[in-house]
Amino acid sequence: MNRYLHHFVHEVRHLIVETFDIAYDTLVKFGRELGELGEAPDRARQALVAACSVVLATFLALLLEIQAPWWAAVSAFMSVSATGAASLRRGVLRLVGTAAGALLGFIMASWLPYDHFALYLFVAGITMLGVVAMQVSPHGLAWMFLSITAILVLLECLADPLLAASVAYYRMFEVVVGVLSAIIVANLMLGWHREPPPTAPGWRHLLGAQWPVVLHGARSAIAACAVLAIWLALELSQVVEMAITITVVMAAPVVADGGFGTRHAVATRSVQRFLGCLLGGAAAIACLALGVESFVWWLGMIFVAVWIGMHIQVGPHGVGYVGTQAAFVFIVTLVQGAGPPNSIMPGVDRFAGVVGGLAILLVVSLVLWPSDEEIAEQRASAKE
């Protein structure tokens, strides 16, 4: 018994030390990225496209008076790529996935709000499907948006399932606004340069060399269900904030680039996402605390934050997840309603929910990922 306890304490101590080392290294590289802002023309141009796309999507969303302008802005940010052709492809995949997810969420909203056990199973299953497909399928973006949209529609209808049709329609409409904004801006500012679509290992390798992808999907599913369980147990009424939290947990999965097969690599990406959340949220809260009422200045703050976030996302120092997560959290914290927020508290609530969700994902990622020795054994077995 004492031997097992000693081993457990040793593992916990090792994880804590490793986490702090990764955090320090990430912050150092983040500082380098900030010091290089604007130096590389290609990166600066892509960051400018992202910022213009998000501002345009936000403006159109407010002009059209849609329910969740933050989702239109996030969709624009996530649709921007290095070329106009690539942005078009990403946008189309997001539209297809969103349409399928909205339909699925609408169908499930007639049953799952009344059966919480089935609700947990559905959230776990659809989360795992989206995260795994993002890694192995050439159409992974469509699968991911299918999962995210289905969960968004379902969770926002928990209190009143009769709203399912309206919620599904608006989630689709918001993504259309964001995607079209990104496609238009990207093709105007970047031009049309056709590139081959990114390669993907395919579904058939899941039980072989790509088995860590399944584990990553399981971790994300556990984290999403944990967030849902906490919100339901505390009987919190802000279903939109709950949906945002789970969306953030899913929206930036570890990309299967061959470098996330070790626990250190997984810990690095998880810590980077968490730090990005803290940095983006803190910046957004600081902007809210200024009490800016000017519409132009409010859009200007969004523009600058997204420009910096995208610049870091495509930077050379390996902390792209920090930029992605910071921009994402800044947007969902600052873009709340029909214009500049008149209160700091809704932003604080969203920020707190997102921090909690990513903290759960961080803990789950570190605890449930096997040791490097176990991973080596699994890889050796898969080759036999």
Protein backbone atom coordinates (compact mmCIF):
# COMPACT_ATOMS: atom_id res chain seq x y z
CA MET A 1 0.00 0.00 0.00
CA ASN A 2 2.77 2.41 0.96
CA ARG A 3 4.63 1.54 -2.26
CA TYR A 4 1.60 2.46 -4.39
CA LEU A 5 1.05 5.64 -2.39
CA HIS A 6 4.70 6.60 -2.82
CA HIS A 7 4.45 5.97 -6.56
CA PHE A 8 1.30 8.10 -6.77
CA VAL A 9 2.90 10.99 -4.88
CA HIS A 10 5.96 10.76 -7.10
CA GLU A 11 3.82 10.91 -10.26
CA VAL A 12 1.85 13.90 -8.96
CA ARG A 13 5.04 15.74 -8.05
CA HIS A 14 6.50 14.97 -11.48
CA LEU A 15 3.38 16.26 -13.23
CA ILE A 16 3.39 19.49 -11.22
CA VAL A 17 7.07 20.15 -11.95
CA GLU A 18 6.60 19.30 -15.62
CA THR A 19 3.57 21.59 -15.89
CA PHE A 20 5.43 24.55 -14.40
CA ASP A 21 8.43 23.93 -16.66
CA ILE A 22 6.17 23.85 -19.72
CA ALA A 23 4.37 27.01 -18.59
CA TYR A 24 7.66 28.87 -18.14
CA ASP A 25 8.97 27.74 -21.53
CA THR A 26 5.65 28.69 -23.18
CA LEU A 27 5.69 32.19 -21.69
CA VAL A 28 9.28 32.72 -22.84
CA LYS A 29 8.37 31.73 -26.41
CA PHE A 30 5.21 33.82 -26.20
CA GLY A 31 7.35 36.82 -25.34
CA ARG A 32 9.51 36.15 -28.39
CA GLU A 33 6.40 36.03 -30.57
CA LEU A 34 5.28 39.39 -29.22
CA GLY A 35 8.71 40.82 -29.93
CA GLU A 36 8.44 39.72 -33.58
CA LEU A 37 4.99 41.14 -34.27
CA GLY A 38 4.80 42.57 -37.77
CA GLU A 39 8.32 41.50 -38.81
CA ALA A 40 7.26 38.73 -41.25
CA PRO A 41 5.06 40.12 -44.07
CA ASP A 42 3.26 36.82 -44.77
CA ARG A 43 2.31 36.31 -41.13
CA ALA A 44 1.28 39.95 -40.75
CA ARG A 45 -0.91 39.70 -43.84
CA GLN A 46 -2.66 36.54 -42.64
CA ALA A 47 -3.19 38.14 -39.22
CA LEU A 48 -4.64 41.20 -40.94
CA VAL A 49 -7.04 39.00 -42.92
CA ALA A 50 -8.17 37.27 -39.73
CA ALA A 51 -8.73 40.57 -37.91
CA CYS A 52 -10.67 42.08 -40.83
CA SER A 53 -12.76 38.90 -41.17
CA VAL A 54 -13.71 38.86 -37.49
CA VAL A 55 -14.57 42.58 -37.45
CA LEU A 56 -16.67 42.21 -40.62
CA ALA A 57 -18.47 39.15 -39.22
CA THR A 58 -19.15 40.93 -35.93
CA PHE A 59 -20.48 44.02 -37.70
CA LEU A 60 -22.76 41.98 -39.98
CA ALA A 61 -23.98 39.84 -37.08
CA LEU A 62 -25.00 42.95 -35.15
CA LEU A 63 -26.51 44.54 -38.24
CA LEU A 64 -28.62 41.43 -38.88
CA GLU A 65 -29.49 41.18 -35.14
CA ILE A 66 -28.63 37.51 -34.84
CA GLN A 67 -28.68 35.83 -31.43
CA ALA A 68 -25.01 34.95 -30.90
CA PRO A 69 -22.68 37.38 -32.70
CA TRP A 70 -19.73 35.79 -30.88
CA TRP A 71 -20.28 32.55 -32.82
CA ALA A 72 -20.22 34.40 -36.14
CA ALA A 73 -16.96 36.09 -35.11
CA VAL A 74 -15.39 32.82 -33.96
CA SER A 75 -16.48 31.10 -37.18
CA ALA A 76 -14.75 33.81 -39.20
CA PHE A 77 -11.54 33.41 -37.19
CA MET A 78 -11.55 29.64 -37.59
CA SER A 79 -12.18 29.82 -41.35
CA VAL A 80 -9.15 31.94 -42.26
CA SER A 81 -6.26 30.13 -43.92
CA ALA A 82 -3.09 31.09 -45.74
CA THR A 83 -4.76 31.46 -49.16
CA GLY A 84 -8.15 32.34 -50.58
CA ALA A 85 -8.65 28.82 -51.93
CA ALA A 86 -7.79 27.21 -48.61
CA SER A 87 -10.14 29.59 -46.78
CA LEU A 88 -12.92 28.65 -49.19
CA ARG A 89 -12.34 24.95 -48.56
CA ARG A 90 -12.28 25.41 -44.79
CA GLY A 91 -15.41 27.53 -44.96
CA VAL A 92 -17.35 25.01 -47.04
CA LEU A 93 -16.43 22.18 -44.67
CA ARG A 94 -17.63 24.27 -41.74
CA LEU A 95 -20.92 25.06 -43.46
CA VAL A 96 -21.57 21.40 -44.28
CA GLY A 97 -20.70 20.29 -40.76
CA THR A 98 -22.78 23.05 -39.19
CA ALA A 99 -25.85 22.19 -41.27
CA ALA A 100 -25.59 18.51 -40.32
CA GLY A 101 -24.96 19.36 -36.66
CA ALA A 102 -27.89 21.78 -36.49
CA LEU A 103 -30.19 19.09 -37.91
CA LEU A 104 -28.86 16.47 -35.49
CA GLY A 105 -29.19 18.82 -32.51
CA PHE A 106 -32.75 19.67 -33.53
CA ILE A 107 -33.70 15.99 -33.72
CA MET A 108 -32.06 15.09 -30.40
CA ALA A 109 -33.63 18.09 -28.61
CA SER A 110 -37.00 16.31 -28.70
CA TRP A 111 -35.65 13.53 -26.47
CA LEU A 112 -32.38 14.15 -24.63
CA PRO A 113 -33.43 17.11 -22.41
CA TYR A 114 -35.79 14.70 -20.67
CA ASP A 115 -33.21 11.90 -20.22
CA HIS A 116 -29.97 13.11 -18.67
CA PHE A 117 -28.25 9.72 -18.80
CA ALA A 118 -28.82 9.56 -22.54
CA LEU A 119 -27.72 13.21 -22.73
CA TYR A 120 -24.34 12.35 -21.19
CA LEU A 121 -23.91 9.42 -23.56
CA PHE A 122 -24.72 11.59 -26.55
CA VAL A 123 -22.37 14.42 -25.50
CA ALA A 124 -19.56 11.92 -24.87
CA GLY A 125 -20.11 10.09 -28.13
CA ILE A 126 -20.47 13.14 -30.38
CA THR A 127 -17.49 14.85 -28.71
CA MET A 128 -15.28 11.82 -29.23
CA LEU A 129 -16.44 11.46 -32.84
CA GLY A 130 -15.67 15.08 -33.67
CA VAL A 131 -12.26 15.15 -32.00
CA VAL A 132 -11.14 11.81 -33.48
CA ALA A 133 -12.43 12.68 -36.97
CA MET A 134 -10.59 16.01 -36.82
CA GLN A 135 -7.34 14.05 -36.55
CA VAL A 136 -7.87 11.27 -39.09
CA SER A 137 -10.42 12.38 -41.69
CA PRO A 138 -9.65 14.61 -44.70
CA HIS A 139 -13.02 16.22 -43.91
CA GLY A 140 -12.24 16.58 -40.22
CA LEU A 141 -13.37 20.21 -40.05
CA ALA A 142 -16.87 19.21 -41.11
CA TRP A 143 -16.99 16.47 -38.47
CA MET A 144 -15.77 18.85 -35.78
CA PHE A 145 -18.37 21.51 -36.58
CA LEU A 146 -21.06 18.83 -36.75
CA SER A 147 -20.20 17.85 -33.18
CA ILE A 148 -19.87 21.39 -31.84
CA THR A 149 -23.11 22.61 -33.46
CA ALA A 150 -25.12 19.60 -32.31
CA ILE A 151 -23.97 20.19 -28.72
CA LEU A 152 -24.62 23.94 -28.94
CA VAL A 153 -28.17 23.43 -30.20
CA LEU A 154 -28.90 20.72 -27.67
CA LEU A 155 -27.56 22.52 -24.61
CA GLU A 156 -29.27 25.80 -25.44
CA CYS A 157 -32.58 23.90 -25.59
CA LEU A 158 -32.27 22.11 -22.25
CA ALA A 159 -34.66 24.47 -20.47
CA ASP A 160 -37.13 24.70 -23.36
CA PRO A 161 -36.86 22.03 -26.10
CA LEU A 162 -39.52 23.85 -28.11
CA LEU A 163 -36.85 26.42 -29.03
CA ALA A 164 -34.82 23.80 -30.92
CA ALA A 165 -35.88 24.88 -34.42
CA SER A 166 -35.10 28.54 -33.73
CA VAL A 167 -31.75 27.78 -32.08
CA ALA A 168 -30.71 25.45 -34.91
CA TYR A 169 -31.59 28.09 -37.51
CA TYR A 170 -29.65 30.86 -35.78
CA ARG A 171 -26.55 28.69 -35.17
CA MET A 172 -26.51 27.92 -38.89
CA PHE A 173 -27.11 31.55 -39.83
CA GLU A 174 -24.29 32.75 -37.58
CA VAL A 175 -21.77 30.36 -39.11
CA VAL A 176 -22.83 31.41 -42.61
CA VAL A 177 -22.14 35.05 -41.70
CA GLY A 178 -18.73 34.22 -40.24
CA VAL A 179 -17.64 31.88 -43.03
CA LEU A 180 -18.70 34.22 -45.84
CA SER A 181 -16.88 37.10 -44.14
CA ALA A 182 -13.67 35.06 -44.00
CA ILE A 183 -13.98 33.85 -47.60
CA ILE A 184 -14.62 37.34 -48.97
CA VAL A 185 -11.81 39.03 -47.04
CA ALA A 186 -9.31 36.22 -47.70
CA ASN A 187 -9.90 36.24 -51.43
CA LEU A 188 -9.73 40.03 -51.61
CA MET A 189 -6.55 40.35 -49.58
CA LEU A 190 -4.69 37.09 -50.17
CA GLY A 191 -5.70 36.24 -53.70
CA TRP A 192 -6.54 32.82 -55.11
CA HIS A 193 -3.71 30.31 -54.80
CA ARG A 194 -4.89 26.74 -55.10
CA GLU A 195 -3.16 24.34 -52.74
CA PRO A 196 -3.64 20.59 -52.25
CA PRO A 197 -5.85 19.76 -49.26
CA PRO A 198 -4.04 18.61 -46.12
CA THR A 199 -3.38 14.90 -45.89
CA ALA A 200 -4.95 12.75 -43.21
CA PRO A 201 -4.05 9.22 -42.05
CA GLY A 202 -7.59 7.89 -42.54
CA TRP A 203 -9.99 5.95 -40.33
CA ARG A 204 -8.39 2.55 -40.98
CA HIS A 205 -5.32 3.39 -38.88
CA LEU A 206 -7.22 4.15 -35.67
CA LEU A 207 -6.40 0.83 -34.01
CA GLY A 208 -2.82 0.85 -35.25
CA ALA A 209 -0.28 3.64 -35.23
CA GLN A 210 -3.01 6.26 -34.67
CA TRP A 211 -4.34 4.76 -31.44
CA PRO A 212 -3.38 7.87 -29.38
CA VAL A 213 -6.04 9.74 -31.38
CA VAL A 214 -8.72 7.54 -29.80
CA LEU A 215 -7.32 8.26 -26.35
CA HIS A 216 -7.33 11.98 -27.10
CA GLY A 217 -10.98 11.76 -28.14
CA ALA A 218 -11.84 9.89 -24.94
CA ARG A 219 -10.15 12.56 -22.83
CA SER A 220 -12.11 15.31 -24.56
CA ALA A 221 -15.35 13.37 -24.10
CA ILE A 222 -14.70 12.94 -20.38
CA ALA A 223 -13.89 16.63 -20.00
CA ALA A 224 -17.05 17.70 -21.86
CA CYS A 225 -19.22 15.42 -19.72
CA ALA A 226 -17.51 16.67 -16.56
CA VAL A 227 -18.31 20.28 -17.50
CA LEU A 228 -21.93 19.34 -18.24
CA ALA A 229 -22.24 17.42 -14.95
CA ILE A 230 -20.90 20.34 -12.91
CA TRP A 231 -23.26 22.84 -14.52
CA LEU A 232 -26.28 20.58 -14.05
CA ALA A 233 -25.33 19.67 -10.48
CA LEU A 234 -24.98 23.32 -9.51
CA GLU A 235 -28.27 24.10 -11.30
CA LEU A 236 -26.69 27.03 -13.10
CA SER A 237 -29.05 28.78 -15.48
CA GLN A 238 -26.57 30.27 -17.95
CA VAL A 239 -26.91 27.60 -20.63
CA VAL A 240 -25.18 29.82 -23.19
CA GLU A 241 -22.09 30.07 -20.98
CA MET A 242 -22.18 26.28 -20.47
CA ALA A 243 -22.36 25.76 -24.23
CA ILE A 244 -19.48 28.20 -24.78
CA THR A 245 -17.35 26.34 -22.24
CA ILE A 246 -17.85 22.97 -23.90
CA THR A 247 -17.28 24.53 -27.33
CA VAL A 248 -13.93 25.91 -26.21
CA VAL A 249 -12.97 22.51 -24.78
CA MET A 250 -13.60 20.95 -28.20
CA ALA A 251 -12.73 23.69 -30.64
CA ALA A 252 -8.93 23.48 -30.66
CA PRO A 253 -8.08 19.78 -30.61
CA VAL A 254 -4.52 18.52 -30.79
CA VAL A 255 -3.64 18.21 -34.45
CA ALA A 256 -2.31 14.83 -35.44
CA ASP A 257 1.06 16.06 -36.63
CA GLY A 258 2.99 13.13 -35.28
CA GLY A 259 4.15 15.10 -32.24
CA PHE A 260 1.50 14.39 -29.62
CA GLY A 261 2.24 10.76 -28.92
CA THR A 262 4.11 11.41 -25.66
CA ARG A 263 2.68 12.64 -22.41
CA HIS A 264 5.05 15.60 -22.48
CA ALA A 265 3.72 16.67 -25.89
CA VAL A 266 0.13 16.33 -24.70
CA ALA A 267 0.93 18.27 -21.54
CA THR A 268 2.60 20.99 -23.61
CA ARG A 269 -0.45 21.52 -25.79
CA SER A 270 -2.85 21.38 -22.85
CA VAL A 271 -0.83 23.92 -20.87
CA GLN A 272 -0.56 26.17 -23.93
CA ARG A 273 -4.33 26.13 -24.38
CA PHE A 274 -4.86 26.94 -20.70
CA LEU A 275 -2.34 29.78 -20.73
CA GLY A 276 -3.86 31.13 -23.93
CA CYS A 277 -7.24 31.12 -22.23
CA LEU A 278 -5.86 33.05 -19.25
CA LEU A 279 -4.04 35.61 -21.40
CA GLY A 280 -6.94 36.18 -23.80
CA GLY A 281 -9.50 36.31 -21.02
CA ALA A 282 -7.42 38.65 -18.88
CA ALA A 283 -6.96 41.00 -21.84
CA ALA A 284 -10.70 40.93 -22.54
CA ILE A 285 -11.60 41.61 -18.90
CA ALA A 286 -9.15 44.52 -18.87
CA CYS A 287 -10.83 45.94 -21.98
CA LEU A 288 -14.26 45.51 -20.39
CA ALA A 289 -13.05 47.27 -17.26
CA LEU A 290 -12.28 50.34 -19.37
CA GLY A 291 -16.01 50.79 -19.91
CA VAL A 292 -15.60 51.64 -23.59
CA GLU A 293 -18.93 52.70 -25.10
CA SER A 294 -17.70 53.71 -28.54
CA PHE A 295 -18.63 51.13 -31.18
CA VAL A 296 -15.55 51.97 -33.25
CA TRP A 297 -13.14 51.61 -30.33
CA TRP A 298 -14.81 48.34 -29.31
CA LEU A 299 -14.31 46.92 -32.83
CA GLY A 300 -10.76 48.27 -32.73
CA MET A 301 -9.96 46.28 -29.59
CA ILE A 302 -11.31 43.12 -31.22
CA PHE A 303 -9.26 43.85 -34.34
CA VAL A 304 -5.99 44.24 -32.43
CA ALA A 305 -6.54 41.15 -30.25
CA VAL A 306 -7.38 38.92 -33.22
CA TRP A 307 -4.41 40.26 -35.21
CA ILE A 308 -2.05 39.38 -32.37
CA GLY A 309 -3.70 35.99 -31.80
CA MET A 310 -3.42 34.93 -35.45
CA HIS A 311 0.14 36.24 -35.67
CA ILE A 312 1.10 33.98 -32.77
CA GLN A 313 -0.95 31.06 -34.12
CA VAL A 314 1.12 30.94 -37.33
CA GLY A 315 4.40 31.87 -35.62
CA PRO A 316 7.61 29.80 -35.70
CA HIS A 317 8.18 29.30 -31.97
CA GLY A 318 5.74 26.44 -31.37
CA VAL A 319 3.18 28.25 -29.21
CA GLY A 320 0.44 28.54 -31.81
CA TYR A 321 -2.15 27.10 -29.44
CA VAL A 322 -1.66 30.09 -27.16
CA GLY A 323 -2.59 32.48 -29.95
CA THR A 324 -5.58 30.40 -31.06
CA GLN A 325 -7.02 30.04 -27.59
CA ALA A 326 -6.32 33.66 -26.60
CA ALA A 327 -8.15 35.01 -29.66
CA PHE A 328 -11.04 32.59 -29.17
CA VAL A 329 -11.54 33.50 -25.50
CA PHE A 330 -11.10 37.23 -26.16
CA ILE A 331 -13.88 37.10 -28.74
CA VAL A 332 -16.39 35.14 -26.64
CA THR A 333 -15.68 37.36 -23.62
CA LEU A 334 -15.89 40.73 -25.36
CA VAL A 335 -18.63 40.00 -27.94
CA GLN A 336 -21.76 39.47 -25.87
CA GLY A 337 -24.76 41.28 -27.27
CA ALA A 338 -25.86 44.01 -29.63
CA GLY A 339 -22.79 46.21 -29.21
CA PRO A 340 -20.14 47.18 -26.65
CA PRO A 341 -20.97 45.50 -23.31
CA ASN A 342 -22.33 47.81 -20.62
CA SER A 343 -21.35 45.47 -17.78
CA ILE A 344 -18.20 43.54 -16.97
CA MET A 345 -19.97 40.67 -15.16
CA PRO A 346 -21.25 38.67 -18.19
CA GLY A 347 -17.71 38.67 -19.53
CA VAL A 348 -16.35 37.54 -16.17
CA ASP A 349 -18.91 34.70 -16.06
CA ARG A 350 -17.92 33.51 -19.53
CA PHE A 351 -14.23 33.77 -18.73
CA ALA A 352 -14.65 31.83 -15.49
CA GLY A 353 -16.60 29.10 -17.25
CA VAL A 354 -13.99 28.71 -19.99
CA VAL A 355 -11.11 28.64 -17.48
CA GLY A 356 -12.91 25.95 -15.51
CA GLY A 357 -13.58 23.87 -18.62
CA LEU A 358 -9.99 24.00 -19.83
CA ALA A 359 -8.70 23.29 -16.30
CA ILE A 360 -10.79 20.12 -16.30
CA LEU A 361 -9.41 19.18 -19.73
CA LEU A 362 -5.86 19.86 -18.53
CA VAL A 363 -6.26 17.60 -15.49
CA VAL A 364 -7.94 14.85 -17.51
CA SER A 365 -5.24 15.07 -20.18
CA LEU A 366 -2.41 14.69 -17.69
CA VAL A 367 -4.00 12.01 -15.51
CA LEU A 368 -5.37 9.77 -18.24
CA TRP A 369 -2.45 9.88 -20.65
CA PRO A 370 -0.17 6.83 -20.18
CA SER A 371 3.51 7.10 -19.39
CA ASP A 372 6.01 7.28 -22.23
CA GLU A 373 7.14 3.71 -21.46
CA GLU A 374 3.57 2.44 -21.89
CA ILE A 375 3.21 4.38 -25.12
CA ALA A 376 6.41 2.81 -26.47
CA GLU A 377 5.05 -0.65 -25.67
CA GLN A 378 1.76 0.14 -27.39
CA ARG A 379 3.54 1.38 -30.51
CA ALA A 380 5.71 -1.72 -30.61
CA SER A 381 2.65 -3.95 -30.33
CA ALA A 382 0.90 -2.04 -33.13
CA LYS A 383 3.84 -2.69 -35.50
CA GLU A 384 3.82 -6.44 -34.88
